[in-house]
Amino acid sequence: MIAGEFYPMKNVQGREFLEAKDSFYLVKDTTDSKLHLYLCEDTKLDRGIRAGDRIEALVSLDGHAIFIRAAR
């Protein structure tokens, strides 16, 4: 048995970062829909991201970002 908590996740890849506001990032997905990625103190964040950059993120199903980084 593995100790700890597990959460369903989704991968967000190749999304376009639009802007940062307070505790969330606004990104555009491949269908041009806007998506809010909510940040918390545990979010691992690549600080070099600017508006217009493509990103990769690991996000919980309720929209909380586990990590956000520039797409490779």
PDB file of N, CA and C in Angstrom:
ATOM      1  N   MET A   1       0.841  -1.193   0.000  1.00  0.00           N
ATOM      2  CA  MET A   1       0.000   0.000   0.000  1.00  0.00           C
ATOM      3  C   MET A   1       0.882   1.251   0.000  1.00  0.00           C
ATOM      4  N   ILE A   2       0.491   2.259  -0.762  1.00  0.00           N
ATOM      5  CA  ILE A   2       1.239   3.511  -0.856  1.00  0.00           C
ATOM      6  C   ILE A   2       0.538   4.555  -0.007  1.00  0.00           C
ATOM      7  N   ALA A   3       1.289   5.187   0.888  1.00  0.00           N
ATOM      8  CA  ALA A   3       0.709   6.218   1.756  1.00  0.00           C
ATOM      9  C   ALA A   3       0.612   7.537   0.996  1.00  0.00           C
ATOM     10  N   GLY A   4      -0.330   8.364   1.369  1.00  0.00           N
ATOM     11  CA  GLY A   4      -0.478   9.689   0.767  1.00  0.00           C
ATOM     12  C   GLY A   4      -1.813   9.839   0.078  1.00  0.00           C
ATOM     13  N   GLU A   5      -2.013  11.021  -0.472  1.00  0.00           N
ATOM     14  CA  GLU A   5      -3.268  11.320  -1.157  1.00  0.00           C
ATOM     15  C   GLU A   5      -3.015  11.395  -2.661  1.00  0.00           C
ATOM     16  N   PHE A   6      -3.968  10.919  -3.421  1.00  0.00           N
ATOM     17  CA  PHE A   6      -3.865  10.946  -4.877  1.00  0.00           C
ATOM     18  C   PHE A   6      -5.064  11.700  -5.440  1.00  0.00           C
ATOM     19  N   TYR A   7      -4.810  12.494  -6.453  1.00  0.00           N
ATOM     20  CA  TYR A   7      -5.863  13.309  -7.041  1.00  0.00           C
ATOM     21  C   TYR A   7      -5.909  13.073  -8.544  1.00  0.00           C
ATOM     22  N   PRO A   8      -7.095  13.008  -9.119  1.00  0.00           N
ATOM     23  CA  PRO A   8      -7.180  12.914 -10.580  1.00  0.00           C
ATOM     24  C   PRO A   8      -6.563  14.177 -11.196  1.00  0.00           C
ATOM     25  N   MET A   9      -5.792  14.011 -12.259  1.00  0.00           N
ATOM     26  CA  MET A   9      -5.105  15.130 -12.896  1.00  0.00           C
ATOM     27  C   MET A   9      -5.372  15.130 -14.391  1.00  0.00           C
ATOM     28  N   LYS A  10      -5.110  16.262 -15.004  1.00  0.00           N
ATOM     29  CA  LYS A  10      -5.127  16.333 -16.460  1.00  0.00           C
ATOM     30  C   LYS A  10      -3.903  17.111 -16.902  1.00  0.00           C
ATOM     31  N   ASN A  11      -3.405  16.775 -18.054  1.00  0.00           N
ATOM     32  CA  ASN A  11      -2.245  17.424 -18.636  1.00  0.00           C
ATOM     33  C   ASN A  11      -2.731  18.533 -19.548  1.00  0.00           C
ATOM     34  N   VAL A  12      -2.183  19.709 -19.408  1.00  0.00           N
ATOM     35  CA  VAL A  12      -2.510  20.832 -20.279  1.00  0.00           C
ATOM     36  C   VAL A  12      -1.233  21.132 -21.044  1.00  0.00           C
ATOM     37  N   GLN A  13      -1.219  20.853 -22.348  1.00  0.00           N
ATOM     38  CA  GLN A  13      -0.006  21.053 -23.132  1.00  0.00           C
ATOM     39  C   GLN A  13      -0.270  21.943 -24.330  1.00  0.00           C
ATOM     40  N   GLY A  14       0.725  22.731 -24.665  1.00  0.00           N
ATOM     41  CA  GLY A  14       0.647  23.568 -25.850  1.00  0.00           C
ATOM     42  C   GLY A  14      -0.394  24.661 -25.758  1.00  0.00           C
ATOM     43  N   ARG A  15      -0.737  25.056 -24.560  1.00  0.00           N
ATOM     44  CA  ARG A  15      -1.714  26.127 -24.378  1.00  0.00           C
ATOM     45  C   ARG A  15      -1.004  27.468 -24.419  1.00  0.00           C
ATOM     46  N   GLU A  16      -1.718  28.499 -24.793  1.00  0.00           N
ATOM     47  CA  GLU A  16      -1.129  29.833 -24.868  1.00  0.00           C
ATOM     48  C   GLU A  16      -1.450  30.600 -23.593  1.00  0.00           C
ATOM     49  N   PHE A  17      -0.407  31.088 -22.934  1.00  0.00           N
ATOM     50  CA  PHE A  17      -0.570  31.886 -21.720  1.00  0.00           C
ATOM     51  C   PHE A  17      -1.009  33.289 -22.119  1.00  0.00           C
ATOM     52  N   LEU A  18      -2.103  33.762 -21.531  1.00  0.00           N
ATOM     53  CA  LEU A  18      -2.625  35.087 -21.866  1.00  0.00           C
ATOM     54  C   LEU A  18      -2.248  36.133 -20.826  1.00  0.00           C
ATOM     55  N   GLU A  19      -2.543  35.861 -19.543  1.00  0.00           N
ATOM     56  CA  GLU A  19      -2.229  36.840 -18.509  1.00  0.00           C
ATOM     57  C   GLU A  19      -2.280  36.218 -17.120  1.00  0.00           C
ATOM     58  N   ALA A  20      -1.646  36.890 -16.161  1.00  0.00           N
ATOM     59  CA  ALA A  20      -1.677  36.481 -14.759  1.00  0.00           C
ATOM     60  C   ALA A  20      -2.505  37.500 -13.989  1.00  0.00           C
ATOM     61  N   LYS A  21      -3.415  36.996 -13.159  1.00  0.00           N
ATOM     62  CA  LYS A  21      -4.238  37.875 -12.322  1.00  0.00           C
ATOM     63  C   LYS A  21      -4.329  37.247 -10.939  1.00  0.00           C
ATOM     64  N   ASP A  22      -3.933  37.997  -9.939  1.00  0.00           N
ATOM     65  CA  ASP A  22      -4.005  37.550  -8.549  1.00  0.00           C
ATOM     66  C   ASP A  22      -3.528  36.111  -8.395  1.00  0.00           C
ATOM     67  N   SER A  23      -4.448  35.186  -8.177  1.00  0.00           N
ATOM     68  CA  SER A  23      -4.065  33.803  -7.883  1.00  0.00           C
ATOM     69  C   SER A  23      -4.399  32.842  -9.026  1.00  0.00           C
ATOM     70  N   PHE A  24      -4.495  33.340 -10.256  1.00  0.00           N
ATOM     71  CA  PHE A  24      -4.725  32.422 -11.375  1.00  0.00           C
ATOM     72  C   PHE A  24      -4.049  32.917 -12.645  1.00  0.00           C
ATOM     73  N   TYR A  25      -3.786  31.968 -13.536  1.00  0.00           N
ATOM     74  CA  TYR A  25      -3.295  32.259 -14.871  1.00  0.00           C
ATOM     75  C   TYR A  25      -4.440  32.013 -15.844  1.00  0.00           C
ATOM     76  N   LEU A  26      -4.590  32.880 -16.804  1.00  0.00           N
ATOM     77  CA  LEU A  26      -5.579  32.721 -17.858  1.00  0.00           C
ATOM     78  C   LEU A  26      -4.844  32.222 -19.095  1.00  0.00           C
ATOM     79  N   VAL A  27      -5.292  31.077 -19.628  1.00  0.00           N
ATOM     80  CA  VAL A  27      -4.663  30.494 -20.810  1.00  0.00           C
ATOM     81  C   VAL A  27      -5.732  30.200 -21.855  1.00  0.00           C
ATOM     82  N   LYS A  28      -5.289  30.066 -23.100  1.00  0.00           N
ATOM     83  CA  LYS A  28      -6.194  29.727 -24.195  1.00  0.00           C
ATOM     84  C   LYS A  28      -5.855  28.320 -24.657  1.00  0.00           C
ATOM     85  N   ASP A  29      -6.864  27.451 -24.771  1.00  0.00           N
ATOM     86  CA  ASP A  29      -6.605  26.074 -25.192  1.00  0.00           C
ATOM     87  C   ASP A  29      -6.626  25.971 -26.711  1.00  0.00           C
ATOM     88  N   THR A  30      -6.470  24.764 -27.217  1.00  0.00           N
ATOM     89  CA  THR A  30      -6.367  24.557 -28.664  1.00  0.00           C
ATOM     90  C   THR A  30      -7.668  24.837 -29.408  1.00  0.00           C
ATOM     91  N   THR A  31      -8.790  24.952 -28.688  1.00  0.00           N
ATOM     92  CA  THR A  31     -10.066  25.278 -29.327  1.00  0.00           C
ATOM     93  C   THR A  31     -10.412  26.752 -29.133  1.00  0.00           C
ATOM     94  N   ASP A  32      -9.404  27.547 -28.698  1.00  0.00           N
ATOM     95  CA  ASP A  32      -9.562  28.982 -28.426  1.00  0.00           C
ATOM     96  C   ASP A  32     -10.473  29.287 -27.247  1.00  0.00           C
ATOM     97  N   SER A  33     -10.760  28.299 -26.406  1.00  0.00           N
ATOM     98  CA  SER A  33     -11.515  28.539 -25.173  1.00  0.00           C
ATOM     99  C   SER A  33     -10.552  29.018 -24.098  1.00  0.00           C
ATOM    100  N   LYS A  34     -11.018  29.911 -23.227  1.00  0.00           N
ATOM    101  CA  LYS A  34     -10.182  30.403 -22.135  1.00  0.00           C
ATOM    102  C   LYS A  34     -10.327  29.488 -20.927  1.00  0.00           C
ATOM    103  N   LEU A  35      -9.220  29.247 -20.258  1.00  0.00           N
ATOM    104  CA  LEU A  35      -9.167  28.333 -19.126  1.00  0.00           C
ATOM    105  C   LEU A  35      -8.414  29.021 -17.990  1.00  0.00           C
ATOM    106  N   HIS A  36      -8.964  28.977 -16.772  1.00  0.00           N
ATOM    107  CA  HIS A  36      -8.299  29.529 -15.597  1.00  0.00           C
ATOM    108  C   HIS A  36      -7.521  28.422 -14.895  1.00  0.00           C
ATOM    109  N   LEU A  37      -6.234  28.666 -14.655  1.00  0.00           N
ATOM    110  CA  LEU A  37      -5.409  27.754 -13.876  1.00  0.00           C
ATOM    111  C   LEU A  37      -5.164  28.437 -12.538  1.00  0.00           C
ATOM    112  N   TYR A  38      -5.734  27.887 -11.482  1.00  0.00           N
ATOM    113  CA  TYR A  38      -5.630  28.494 -10.163  1.00  0.00           C
ATOM    114  C   TYR A  38      -4.312  28.119  -9.499  1.00  0.00           C
ATOM    115  N   LEU A  39      -3.622  29.124  -8.942  1.00  0.00           N
ATOM    116  CA  LEU A  39      -2.331  28.925  -8.300  1.00  0.00           C
ATOM    117  C   LEU A  39      -2.513  28.867  -6.786  1.00  0.00           C
ATOM    118  N   CYS A  40      -1.636  28.115  -6.123  1.00  0.00           N
ATOM    119  CA  CYS A  40      -1.603  28.094  -4.663  1.00  0.00           C
ATOM    120  C   CYS A  40      -0.143  28.089  -4.239  1.00  0.00           C
ATOM    121  N   GLU A  41       0.111  28.064  -2.951  1.00  0.00           N
ATOM    122  CA  GLU A  41       1.491  28.122  -2.468  1.00  0.00           C
ATOM    123  C   GLU A  41       2.308  26.897  -2.885  1.00  0.00           C
ATOM    124  N   ASP A  42       1.646  25.799  -3.257  1.00  0.00           N
ATOM    125  CA  ASP A  42       2.343  24.581  -3.668  1.00  0.00           C
ATOM    126  C   ASP A  42       2.582  24.483  -5.175  1.00  0.00           C
ATOM    127  N   THR A  43       2.044  25.403  -5.958  1.00  0.00           N
ATOM    128  CA  THR A  43       2.211  25.367  -7.410  1.00  0.00           C
ATOM    129  C   THR A  43       3.668  25.633  -7.774  1.00  0.00           C
ATOM    130  N   LYS A  44       4.247  24.734  -8.554  1.00  0.00           N
ATOM    131  CA  LYS A  44       5.606  24.935  -9.064  1.00  0.00           C
ATOM    132  C   LYS A  44       5.480  25.728 -10.355  1.00  0.00           C
ATOM    133  N   LEU A  45       6.133  26.873 -10.386  1.00  0.00           N
ATOM    134  CA  LEU A  45       5.896  27.837 -11.452  1.00  0.00           C
ATOM    135  C   LEU A  45       7.203  28.247 -12.118  1.00  0.00           C
ATOM    136  N   ASP A  46       7.235  28.177 -13.440  1.00  0.00           N
ATOM    137  CA  ASP A  46       8.353  28.683 -14.227  1.00  0.00           C
ATOM    138  C   ASP A  46       8.151  30.186 -14.352  1.00  0.00           C
ATOM    139  N   ARG A  47       8.978  30.952 -13.684  1.00  0.00           N
ATOM    140  CA  ARG A  47       8.806  32.410 -13.627  1.00  0.00           C
ATOM    141  C   ARG A  47       9.094  33.118 -14.943  1.00  0.00           C
ATOM    142  N   GLY A  48       9.682  32.432 -15.915  1.00  0.00           N
ATOM    143  CA  GLY A  48      10.033  33.074 -17.173  1.00  0.00           C
ATOM    144  C   GLY A  48       8.904  33.124 -18.191  1.00  0.00           C
ATOM    145  N   ILE A  49       7.685  32.779 -17.801  1.00  0.00           N
ATOM    146  CA  ILE A  49       6.561  32.738 -18.742  1.00  0.00           C
ATOM    147  C   ILE A  49       6.016  34.150 -18.958  1.00  0.00           C
ATOM    148  N   ARG A  50       5.815  34.487 -20.236  1.00  0.00           N
ATOM    149  CA  ARG A  50       5.244  35.791 -20.592  1.00  0.00           C
ATOM    150  C   ARG A  50       4.011  35.592 -21.468  1.00  0.00           C
ATOM    151  N   ALA A  51       3.186  36.610 -21.562  1.00  0.00           N
ATOM    152  CA  ALA A  51       1.991  36.553 -22.402  1.00  0.00           C
ATOM    153  C   ALA A  51       2.384  36.155 -23.819  1.00  0.00           C
ATOM    154  N   GLY A  52       1.637  35.212 -24.392  1.00  0.00           N
ATOM    155  CA  GLY A  52       1.885  34.726 -25.740  1.00  0.00           C
ATOM    156  C   GLY A  52       2.702  33.447 -25.772  1.00  0.00           C
ATOM    157  N   ASP A  53       3.365  33.088 -24.652  1.00  0.00           N
ATOM    158  CA  ASP A  53       4.161  31.863 -24.588  1.00  0.00           C
ATOM    159  C   ASP A  53       3.257  30.636 -24.570  1.00  0.00           C
ATOM    160  N   ARG A  54       3.770  29.542 -25.109  1.00  0.00           N
ATOM    161  CA  ARG A  54       3.099  28.246 -25.001  1.00  0.00           C
ATOM    162  C   ARG A  54       3.533  27.615 -23.694  1.00  0.00           C
ATOM    163  N   ILE A  55       2.602  26.941 -23.014  1.00  0.00           N
ATOM    164  CA  ILE A  55       2.909  26.346 -21.715  1.00  0.00           C
ATOM    165  C   ILE A  55       2.542  24.873 -21.669  1.00  0.00           C
ATOM    166  N   GLU A  56       3.077  24.200 -20.663  1.00  0.00           N
ATOM    167  CA  GLU A  56       2.669  22.860 -20.264  1.00  0.00           C
ATOM    168  C   GLU A  56       2.294  22.976 -18.798  1.00  0.00           C
ATOM    169  N   ALA A  57       1.253  22.274 -18.383  1.00  0.00           N
ATOM    170  CA  ALA A  57       0.840  22.331 -16.986  1.00  0.00           C
ATOM    171  C   ALA A  57       0.226  21.003 -16.574  1.00  0.00           C
ATOM    172  N   LEU A  58       0.349  20.708 -15.302  1.00  0.00           N
ATOM    173  CA  LEU A  58      -0.358  19.593 -14.696  1.00  0.00           C
ATOM    174  C   LEU A  58      -1.387  20.222 -13.781  1.00  0.00           C
ATOM    175  N   VAL A  59      -2.662  19.884 -14.000  1.00  0.00           N
ATOM    176  CA  VAL A  59      -3.762  20.575 -13.345  1.00  0.00           C
ATOM    177  C   VAL A  59      -4.718  19.555 -12.739  1.00  0.00           C
ATOM    178  N   SER A  60      -5.178  19.807 -11.509  1.00  0.00           N
ATOM    179  CA  SER A  60      -6.185  18.940 -10.912  1.00  0.00           C
ATOM    180  C   SER A  60      -7.508  19.145 -11.649  1.00  0.00           C
ATOM    181  N   LEU A  61      -8.414  18.214 -11.508  1.00  0.00           N
ATOM    182  CA  LEU A  61      -9.690  18.315 -12.232  1.00  0.00           C
ATOM    183  C   LEU A  61     -10.506  19.536 -11.821  1.00  0.00           C
ATOM    184  N   ASP A  62     -10.223  20.091 -10.622  1.00  0.00           N
ATOM    185  CA  ASP A  62     -10.945  21.294 -10.214  1.00  0.00           C
ATOM    186  C   ASP A  62     -10.219  22.580 -10.629  1.00  0.00           C
ATOM    187  N   GLY A  63      -9.140  22.441 -11.443  1.00  0.00           N
ATOM    188  CA  GLY A  63      -8.492  23.610 -12.025  1.00  0.00           C
ATOM    189  C   GLY A  63      -7.287  24.140 -11.281  1.00  0.00           C
ATOM    190  N   HIS A  64      -6.848  23.494 -10.194  1.00  0.00           N
ATOM    191  CA  HIS A  64      -5.674  23.959  -9.455  1.00  0.00           C
ATOM    192  C   HIS A  64      -4.394  23.438 -10.109  1.00  0.00           C
ATOM    193  N   ALA A  65      -3.477  24.349 -10.398  1.00  0.00           N
ATOM    194  CA  ALA A  65      -2.242  24.010 -11.085  1.00  0.00           C
ATOM    195  C   ALA A  65      -1.238  23.373 -10.117  1.00  0.00           C
ATOM    196  N   ILE A  66      -0.713  22.216 -10.494  1.00  0.00           N
ATOM    197  CA  ILE A  66       0.349  21.561  -9.743  1.00  0.00           C
ATOM    198  C   ILE A  66       1.681  22.140 -10.204  1.00  0.00           C
ATOM    199  N   PHE A  67       1.862  22.256 -11.534  1.00  0.00           N
ATOM    200  CA  PHE A  67       3.012  22.968 -12.075  1.00  0.00           C
ATOM    201  C   PHE A  67       2.624  23.625 -13.388  1.00  0.00           C
ATOM    202  N   ILE A  68       3.327  24.699 -13.713  1.00  0.00           N
ATOM    203  CA  ILE A  68       3.180  25.408 -14.984  1.00  0.00           C
ATOM    204  C   ILE A  68       4.588  25.731 -15.450  1.00  0.00           C
ATOM    205  N   ARG A  69       4.908  25.376 -16.701  1.00  0.00           N
ATOM    206  CA  ARG A  69       6.226  25.677 -17.246  1.00  0.00           C
ATOM    207  C   ARG A  69       6.096  25.996 -18.730  1.00  0.00           C
ATOM    208  N   ALA A  70       7.128  26.608 -19.262  1.00  0.00           N
ATOM    209  CA  ALA A  70       7.163  26.918 -20.697  1.00  0.00           C
ATOM    210  C   ALA A  70       7.209  25.609 -21.469  1.00  0.00           C
ATOM    211  N   ALA A  71       6.486  25.534 -22.584  1.00  0.00           N
ATOM    212  CA  ALA A  71       6.460  24.326 -23.414  1.00  0.00           C
ATOM    213  C   ALA A  71       7.831  24.135 -24.051  1.00  0.00           C
ATOM    214  N   ARG A  72       8.183  22.881 -24.209  1.00  0.00           N
ATOM    215  CA  ARG A  72       9.497  22.554 -24.813  1.00  0.00           C
ATOM    216  C   ARG A  72       9.345  22.169 -26.241  1.00  0.00           C
TER     217      ARG A  72
END
